[in-house]
Amino acid sequence: MYLIIRQEYLSSVIKKAKKSPIEICGLLLGRRGEDTFRVEEVHFITNRLNSPAGFEMDPLEMVRAIDGAEKRGIEVVGIFHSHTRCPPRPSGRDLRGMELWPVVWLIVDRERNYGAYVLRNGRVEKVDVKIV
């Protein structure tokens, strides 16, 4: 299973995470294949918790992004966010979110580390990230 993302998209997420005192978050929009999640757009969403230890995307911004994606013939293929205090692996809070949003979760930290994950049958699986 692969998350295919352009270098500039990944760099923009990491750059924003590095500068932010709170967790950043947003949607990865694109197309799903049988074993691939191809990112065509990165859409930053406001973290309404305004917290360094958790995120909650602004629902109105999410609806606007999803509606716009549908009009362009693409869909949500992933969710991204940053960790400011721990490694880029799913936390307990992330696992609850992954149950609600069964897409790839891209997690980055301020040190340019990142990982992509899916939740399948109650287990976290690492997704290979292919940078193009």
N, C-alpha and C. Protein backbone atom coordinates (compact mmCIF):
# COMPACT_ATOMS: atom_id res chain seq x y z
N MET A 1 0.85 -1.17 0.00
CA MET A 1 0.00 0.00 0.00
C MET A 1 0.90 1.24 0.00
N TYR A 2 0.52 2.23 -0.83
CA TYR A 2 1.35 3.42 -1.01
C TYR A 2 0.54 4.70 -0.88
N LEU A 3 1.16 5.69 -0.26
CA LEU A 3 0.69 7.07 -0.32
C LEU A 3 1.64 7.76 -1.29
N ILE A 4 1.11 8.25 -2.39
CA ILE A 4 1.92 8.91 -3.40
C ILE A 4 1.68 10.41 -3.26
N ILE A 5 2.76 11.13 -2.99
CA ILE A 5 2.65 12.56 -2.71
C ILE A 5 3.82 13.30 -3.34
N ARG A 6 3.55 14.48 -3.88
CA ARG A 6 4.61 15.30 -4.46
C ARG A 6 5.49 15.88 -3.35
N GLN A 7 6.76 16.01 -3.65
CA GLN A 7 7.72 16.54 -2.69
C GLN A 7 7.29 17.89 -2.15
N GLU A 8 6.80 18.78 -3.01
CA GLU A 8 6.42 20.11 -2.54
C GLU A 8 5.23 20.07 -1.59
N TYR A 9 4.34 19.10 -1.76
CA TYR A 9 3.21 18.98 -0.84
C TYR A 9 3.68 18.54 0.54
N LEU A 10 4.50 17.50 0.57
CA LEU A 10 5.04 17.02 1.84
C LEU A 10 5.87 18.11 2.51
N SER A 11 6.68 18.80 1.74
CA SER A 11 7.51 19.88 2.29
C SER A 11 6.67 21.00 2.87
N SER A 12 5.56 21.33 2.22
CA SER A 12 4.71 22.41 2.73
C SER A 12 4.08 22.03 4.07
N VAL A 13 3.70 20.77 4.23
CA VAL A 13 3.13 20.31 5.49
C VAL A 13 4.19 20.36 6.59
N ILE A 14 5.37 19.84 6.29
CA ILE A 14 6.45 19.83 7.28
C ILE A 14 6.88 21.25 7.64
N LYS A 15 6.97 22.12 6.65
CA LYS A 15 7.39 23.50 6.90
C LYS A 15 6.39 24.21 7.83
N LYS A 16 5.10 24.01 7.56
CA LYS A 16 4.10 24.65 8.41
C LYS A 16 4.13 24.06 9.82
N ALA A 17 4.33 22.75 9.93
CA ALA A 17 4.41 22.10 11.25
C ALA A 17 5.59 22.64 12.05
N LYS A 18 6.70 22.83 11.37
CA LYS A 18 7.92 23.30 12.04
C LYS A 18 7.73 24.69 12.64
N LYS A 19 6.94 25.53 11.97
CA LYS A 19 6.73 26.90 12.41
C LYS A 19 5.60 27.05 13.43
N SER A 20 4.76 26.04 13.56
CA SER A 20 3.56 26.18 14.37
C SER A 20 3.75 25.70 15.81
N PRO A 21 3.28 26.48 16.78
CA PRO A 21 3.33 26.03 18.18
C PRO A 21 2.22 25.02 18.51
N ILE A 22 1.25 24.89 17.60
CA ILE A 22 0.15 23.94 17.80
C ILE A 22 0.18 22.89 16.69
N GLU A 23 -0.57 21.81 16.89
CA GLU A 23 -0.67 20.80 15.84
C GLU A 23 -1.38 21.41 14.64
N ILE A 24 -0.82 21.16 13.47
CA ILE A 24 -1.48 21.57 12.24
C ILE A 24 -2.26 20.37 11.72
N CYS A 25 -3.22 20.63 10.84
CA CYS A 25 -4.02 19.53 10.33
C CYS A 25 -4.65 19.90 9.00
N GLY A 26 -5.14 18.89 8.31
CA GLY A 26 -5.80 19.14 7.05
C GLY A 26 -6.12 17.86 6.31
N LEU A 27 -6.54 18.05 5.07
CA LEU A 27 -6.98 16.95 4.23
C LEU A 27 -6.04 16.74 3.05
N LEU A 28 -5.84 15.49 2.72
CA LEU A 28 -5.13 15.10 1.51
C LEU A 28 -6.21 14.71 0.51
N LEU A 29 -6.28 15.42 -0.59
CA LEU A 29 -7.31 15.19 -1.59
C LEU A 29 -6.69 14.59 -2.83
N GLY A 30 -7.39 13.65 -3.44
CA GLY A 30 -6.85 13.02 -4.65
C GLY A 30 -7.69 11.85 -5.09
N ARG A 31 -7.00 10.78 -5.46
CA ARG A 31 -7.67 9.59 -6.00
C ARG A 31 -7.13 8.33 -5.34
N ARG A 32 -8.04 7.39 -5.12
CA ARG A 32 -7.66 6.09 -4.56
C ARG A 32 -7.57 5.07 -5.66
N GLY A 33 -6.56 4.22 -5.55
CA GLY A 33 -6.44 3.05 -6.40
C GLY A 33 -6.62 1.83 -5.53
N GLU A 34 -6.38 0.67 -6.09
CA GLU A 34 -6.53 -0.56 -5.31
C GLU A 34 -5.60 -0.57 -4.10
N ASP A 35 -4.33 -0.22 -4.33
CA ASP A 35 -3.35 -0.20 -3.24
C ASP A 35 -2.65 1.15 -3.12
N THR A 36 -3.26 2.19 -3.68
CA THR A 36 -2.61 3.50 -3.66
C THR A 36 -3.57 4.60 -3.23
N PHE A 37 -2.97 5.62 -2.65
CA PHE A 37 -3.66 6.85 -2.32
C PHE A 37 -2.82 7.95 -2.96
N ARG A 38 -3.30 8.53 -4.06
CA ARG A 38 -2.53 9.54 -4.81
C ARG A 38 -3.02 10.93 -4.41
N VAL A 39 -2.12 11.72 -3.83
CA VAL A 39 -2.45 13.07 -3.38
C VAL A 39 -2.32 14.04 -4.55
N GLU A 40 -3.41 14.77 -4.81
CA GLU A 40 -3.40 15.79 -5.85
C GLU A 40 -3.50 17.21 -5.28
N GLU A 41 -3.96 17.30 -4.03
CA GLU A 41 -4.06 18.60 -3.36
C GLU A 41 -3.87 18.40 -1.86
N VAL A 42 -3.29 19.39 -1.23
CA VAL A 42 -3.18 19.44 0.23
C VAL A 42 -4.01 20.64 0.67
N HIS A 43 -4.92 20.40 1.60
CA HIS A 43 -5.80 21.47 2.05
C HIS A 43 -5.64 21.64 3.57
N PHE A 44 -5.01 22.72 3.98
CA PHE A 44 -4.84 23.00 5.41
C PHE A 44 -6.18 23.43 6.01
N ILE A 45 -6.48 22.90 7.19
CA ILE A 45 -7.72 23.21 7.91
C ILE A 45 -7.33 23.73 9.29
N THR A 46 -8.08 24.71 9.78
CA THR A 46 -7.81 25.27 11.10
C THR A 46 -8.01 24.22 12.20
N ASN A 47 -7.04 24.15 13.11
CA ASN A 47 -7.16 23.30 14.29
C ASN A 47 -7.95 24.09 15.32
N ARG A 48 -9.21 23.75 15.47
CA ARG A 48 -10.03 24.55 16.37
C ARG A 48 -9.76 24.29 17.85
N LEU A 49 -8.97 23.27 18.16
CA LEU A 49 -8.53 23.08 19.55
C LEU A 49 -7.41 24.04 19.91
N ASN A 50 -6.71 24.52 18.89
CA ASN A 50 -5.58 25.44 19.10
C ASN A 50 -4.63 24.87 20.15
N SER A 51 -4.29 23.59 19.97
CA SER A 51 -3.54 22.86 20.99
C SER A 51 -2.25 22.25 20.43
N PRO A 52 -1.20 22.20 21.26
CA PRO A 52 0.02 21.51 20.85
C PRO A 52 -0.07 20.00 21.05
N ALA A 53 -1.18 19.53 21.64
CA ALA A 53 -1.27 18.11 21.97
C ALA A 53 -2.50 17.43 21.37
N GLY A 54 -3.17 18.08 20.44
CA GLY A 54 -4.34 17.48 19.82
C GLY A 54 -4.87 18.37 18.71
N PHE A 55 -5.70 17.78 17.87
CA PHE A 55 -6.29 18.60 16.82
C PHE A 55 -7.74 18.19 16.61
N GLU A 56 -8.49 19.15 16.14
CA GLU A 56 -9.86 18.94 15.69
C GLU A 56 -10.08 19.91 14.55
N MET A 57 -10.36 19.35 13.38
CA MET A 57 -10.52 20.20 12.21
C MET A 57 -11.83 20.98 12.27
N ASP A 58 -11.77 22.23 11.83
CA ASP A 58 -12.95 23.07 11.75
C ASP A 58 -13.95 22.43 10.78
N PRO A 59 -15.17 22.08 11.25
CA PRO A 59 -16.10 21.36 10.40
C PRO A 59 -16.54 22.12 9.15
N LEU A 60 -16.74 23.41 9.25
CA LEU A 60 -17.17 24.19 8.10
C LEU A 60 -16.08 24.21 7.02
N GLU A 61 -14.84 24.36 7.45
CA GLU A 61 -13.73 24.34 6.48
C GLU A 61 -13.62 22.96 5.83
N MET A 62 -13.87 21.92 6.62
CA MET A 62 -13.82 20.56 6.06
C MET A 62 -14.89 20.37 4.98
N VAL A 63 -16.11 20.81 5.29
CA VAL A 63 -17.21 20.66 4.33
C VAL A 63 -16.89 21.41 3.04
N ARG A 64 -16.38 22.61 3.17
CA ARG A 64 -16.03 23.39 1.97
C ARG A 64 -14.96 22.68 1.15
N ALA A 65 -13.95 22.15 1.81
CA ALA A 65 -12.87 21.45 1.09
C ALA A 65 -13.40 20.19 0.41
N ILE A 66 -14.24 19.43 1.10
CA ILE A 66 -14.78 18.19 0.53
C ILE A 66 -15.73 18.50 -0.62
N ASP A 67 -16.58 19.50 -0.46
CA ASP A 67 -17.48 19.89 -1.55
C ASP A 67 -16.69 20.33 -2.78
N GLY A 68 -15.66 21.13 -2.56
CA GLY A 68 -14.82 21.57 -3.68
C GLY A 68 -14.12 20.42 -4.36
N ALA A 69 -13.65 19.47 -3.57
CA ALA A 69 -12.98 18.29 -4.14
C ALA A 69 -13.95 17.49 -4.99
N GLU A 70 -15.15 17.27 -4.49
CA GLU A 70 -16.14 16.51 -5.25
C GLU A 70 -16.46 17.17 -6.58
N LYS A 71 -16.53 18.49 -6.59
CA LYS A 71 -16.79 19.23 -7.84
C LYS A 71 -15.65 19.03 -8.85
N ARG A 72 -14.43 18.79 -8.33
CA ARG A 72 -13.28 18.59 -9.22
C ARG A 72 -13.04 17.10 -9.51
N GLY A 73 -13.91 16.24 -9.00
CA GLY A 73 -13.80 14.81 -9.28
C GLY A 73 -12.75 14.08 -8.45
N ILE A 74 -12.39 14.66 -7.30
CA ILE A 74 -11.44 13.99 -6.41
C ILE A 74 -12.10 13.79 -5.05
N GLU A 75 -11.41 13.11 -4.14
CA GLU A 75 -11.99 12.78 -2.85
C GLU A 75 -10.93 12.88 -1.75
N VAL A 76 -11.38 12.73 -0.53
CA VAL A 76 -10.45 12.69 0.61
C VAL A 76 -9.75 11.33 0.57
N VAL A 77 -8.42 11.36 0.43
CA VAL A 77 -7.64 10.12 0.46
C VAL A 77 -6.84 10.01 1.76
N GLY A 78 -6.77 11.13 2.49
CA GLY A 78 -6.01 11.10 3.72
C GLY A 78 -6.24 12.32 4.59
N ILE A 79 -5.80 12.17 5.81
CA ILE A 79 -5.79 13.25 6.79
C ILE A 79 -4.34 13.43 7.22
N PHE A 80 -3.91 14.67 7.38
CA PHE A 80 -2.57 14.89 7.90
C PHE A 80 -2.65 15.76 9.15
N HIS A 81 -1.66 15.57 10.00
CA HIS A 81 -1.51 16.45 11.15
C HIS A 81 -0.08 16.31 11.67
N SER A 82 0.25 17.19 12.60
CA SER A 82 1.60 17.16 13.16
C SER A 82 1.54 16.76 14.62
N HIS A 83 2.67 16.27 15.08
CA HIS A 83 2.87 16.04 16.51
C HIS A 83 3.96 16.99 16.95
N THR A 84 3.69 17.72 18.01
CA THR A 84 4.68 18.67 18.51
C THR A 84 5.50 18.10 19.65
N ARG A 85 5.00 17.02 20.29
CA ARG A 85 5.65 16.52 21.49
C ARG A 85 6.04 15.05 21.43
N CYS A 86 5.66 14.37 20.38
CA CYS A 86 5.94 12.93 20.32
C CYS A 86 6.26 12.54 18.87
N PRO A 87 6.78 11.35 18.67
CA PRO A 87 7.14 10.89 17.33
C PRO A 87 5.91 10.81 16.40
N PRO A 88 6.13 10.83 15.10
CA PRO A 88 5.03 10.79 14.14
C PRO A 88 4.44 9.39 13.97
N ARG A 89 3.82 8.92 15.03
CA ARG A 89 3.10 7.64 15.04
C ARG A 89 1.72 7.90 15.63
N PRO A 90 0.72 7.10 15.27
CA PRO A 90 -0.63 7.36 15.78
C PRO A 90 -0.71 7.27 17.30
N SER A 91 -1.32 8.27 17.89
CA SER A 91 -1.57 8.29 19.33
C SER A 91 -2.92 7.61 19.59
N GLY A 92 -3.27 7.47 20.85
CA GLY A 92 -4.58 6.92 21.19
C GLY A 92 -5.71 7.75 20.62
N ARG A 93 -5.56 9.05 20.69
CA ARG A 93 -6.57 9.95 20.11
C ARG A 93 -6.64 9.77 18.60
N ASP A 94 -5.48 9.62 17.96
CA ASP A 94 -5.45 9.39 16.51
C ASP A 94 -6.18 8.10 16.15
N LEU A 95 -5.99 7.07 16.95
CA LEU A 95 -6.65 5.78 16.65
C LEU A 95 -8.17 5.92 16.66
N ARG A 96 -8.69 6.71 17.58
CA ARG A 96 -10.14 6.94 17.59
C ARG A 96 -10.57 7.67 16.32
N GLY A 97 -9.76 8.62 15.89
CA GLY A 97 -10.06 9.33 14.64
C GLY A 97 -9.95 8.44 13.42
N MET A 98 -8.98 7.55 13.45
CA MET A 98 -8.79 6.63 12.32
C MET A 98 -9.97 5.68 12.16
N GLU A 99 -10.64 5.37 13.27
CA GLU A 99 -11.84 4.54 13.18
C GLU A 99 -12.96 5.28 12.46
N LEU A 100 -13.05 6.59 12.67
CA LEU A 100 -14.09 7.41 12.03
C LEU A 100 -13.76 7.76 10.58
N TRP A 101 -12.48 7.94 10.31
CA TRP A 101 -12.02 8.33 8.98
C TRP A 101 -11.07 7.24 8.46
N PRO A 102 -11.59 6.23 7.77
CA PRO A 102 -10.76 5.11 7.29
C PRO A 102 -9.98 5.45 6.02
N VAL A 103 -9.10 6.41 6.14
CA VAL A 103 -8.22 6.84 5.06
C VAL A 103 -6.79 6.79 5.59
N VAL A 104 -5.83 7.15 4.76
CA VAL A 104 -4.44 7.22 5.22
C VAL A 104 -4.29 8.41 6.16
N TRP A 105 -3.53 8.21 7.21
CA TRP A 105 -3.20 9.28 8.14
C TRP A 105 -1.70 9.55 8.02
N LEU A 106 -1.38 10.76 7.57
CA LEU A 106 0.01 11.20 7.45
C LEU A 106 0.32 12.05 8.68
N ILE A 107 1.34 11.65 9.42
CA ILE A 107 1.72 12.37 10.63
C ILE A 107 3.16 12.85 10.47
N VAL A 108 3.39 14.11 10.76
CA VAL A 108 4.73 14.70 10.64
C VAL A 108 5.15 15.28 11.98
N ASP A 109 6.45 15.53 12.12
CA ASP A 109 6.92 16.24 13.30
C ASP A 109 7.78 17.42 12.85
N ARG A 110 8.30 18.14 13.79
CA ARG A 110 9.08 19.35 13.49
C ARG A 110 10.49 19.04 12.99
N GLU A 111 10.90 17.81 13.10
CA GLU A 111 12.26 17.41 12.70
C GLU A 111 12.30 16.80 11.30
N ARG A 112 11.24 16.98 10.54
CA ARG A 112 11.12 16.46 9.16
C ARG A 112 10.88 14.95 9.11
N ASN A 113 10.51 14.34 10.23
CA ASN A 113 10.14 12.93 10.26
C ASN A 113 8.67 12.83 9.91
N TYR A 114 8.29 11.72 9.31
CA TYR A 114 6.89 11.52 8.96
C TYR A 114 6.61 10.03 8.83
N GLY A 115 5.34 9.71 8.90
CA GLY A 115 4.89 8.34 8.70
C GLY A 115 3.45 8.36 8.25
N ALA A 116 3.06 7.35 7.49
CA ALA A 116 1.69 7.23 7.01
C ALA A 116 1.13 5.89 7.50
N TYR A 117 -0.13 5.91 7.88
CA TYR A 117 -0.74 4.75 8.52
C TYR A 117 -2.20 4.60 8.12
N VAL A 118 -2.68 3.35 8.15
CA VAL A 118 -4.10 3.06 8.02
C VAL A 118 -4.48 2.14 9.17
N LEU A 119 -5.75 2.14 9.48
CA LEU A 119 -6.27 1.22 10.49
C LEU A 119 -7.09 0.17 9.75
N ARG A 120 -6.66 -1.09 9.87
CA ARG A 120 -7.36 -2.19 9.21
C ARG A 120 -7.64 -3.29 10.22
N ASN A 121 -8.90 -3.66 10.30
CA ASN A 121 -9.29 -4.71 11.24
C ASN A 121 -8.78 -4.45 12.65
N GLY A 122 -8.83 -3.18 13.05
CA GLY A 122 -8.43 -2.82 14.39
C GLY A 122 -6.93 -2.72 14.63
N ARG A 123 -6.14 -2.89 13.57
CA ARG A 123 -4.68 -2.83 13.69
C ARG A 123 -4.12 -1.71 12.84
N VAL A 124 -3.12 -1.02 13.37
CA VAL A 124 -2.45 0.02 12.62
C VAL A 124 -1.46 -0.62 11.66
N GLU A 125 -1.51 -0.20 10.40
CA GLU A 125 -0.57 -0.69 9.39
C GLU A 125 0.17 0.51 8.81
N LYS A 126 1.45 0.37 8.66
CA LYS A 126 2.27 1.42 8.06
C LYS A 126 2.04 1.42 6.55
N VAL A 127 1.98 2.58 5.98
CA VAL A 127 1.81 2.76 4.55
C VAL A 127 3.11 3.35 4.01
N ASP A 128 3.63 2.78 2.93
CA ASP A 128 4.84 3.32 2.32
C ASP A 128 4.51 4.67 1.67
N VAL A 129 5.39 5.64 1.85
CA VAL A 129 5.22 6.95 1.25
C VAL A 129 6.15 7.02 0.04
N LYS A 130 5.55 7.25 -1.12
CA LYS A 130 6.31 7.40 -2.35
C LYS A 130 6.27 8.88 -2.73
N ILE A 131 7.44 9.50 -2.72
CA ILE A 131 7.53 10.93 -3.03
C ILE A 131 7.87 11.07 -4.51
N VAL A 132 7.07 11.88 -5.21
CA VAL A 132 7.29 12.08 -6.65
C VAL A 132 7.58 13.53 -6.95
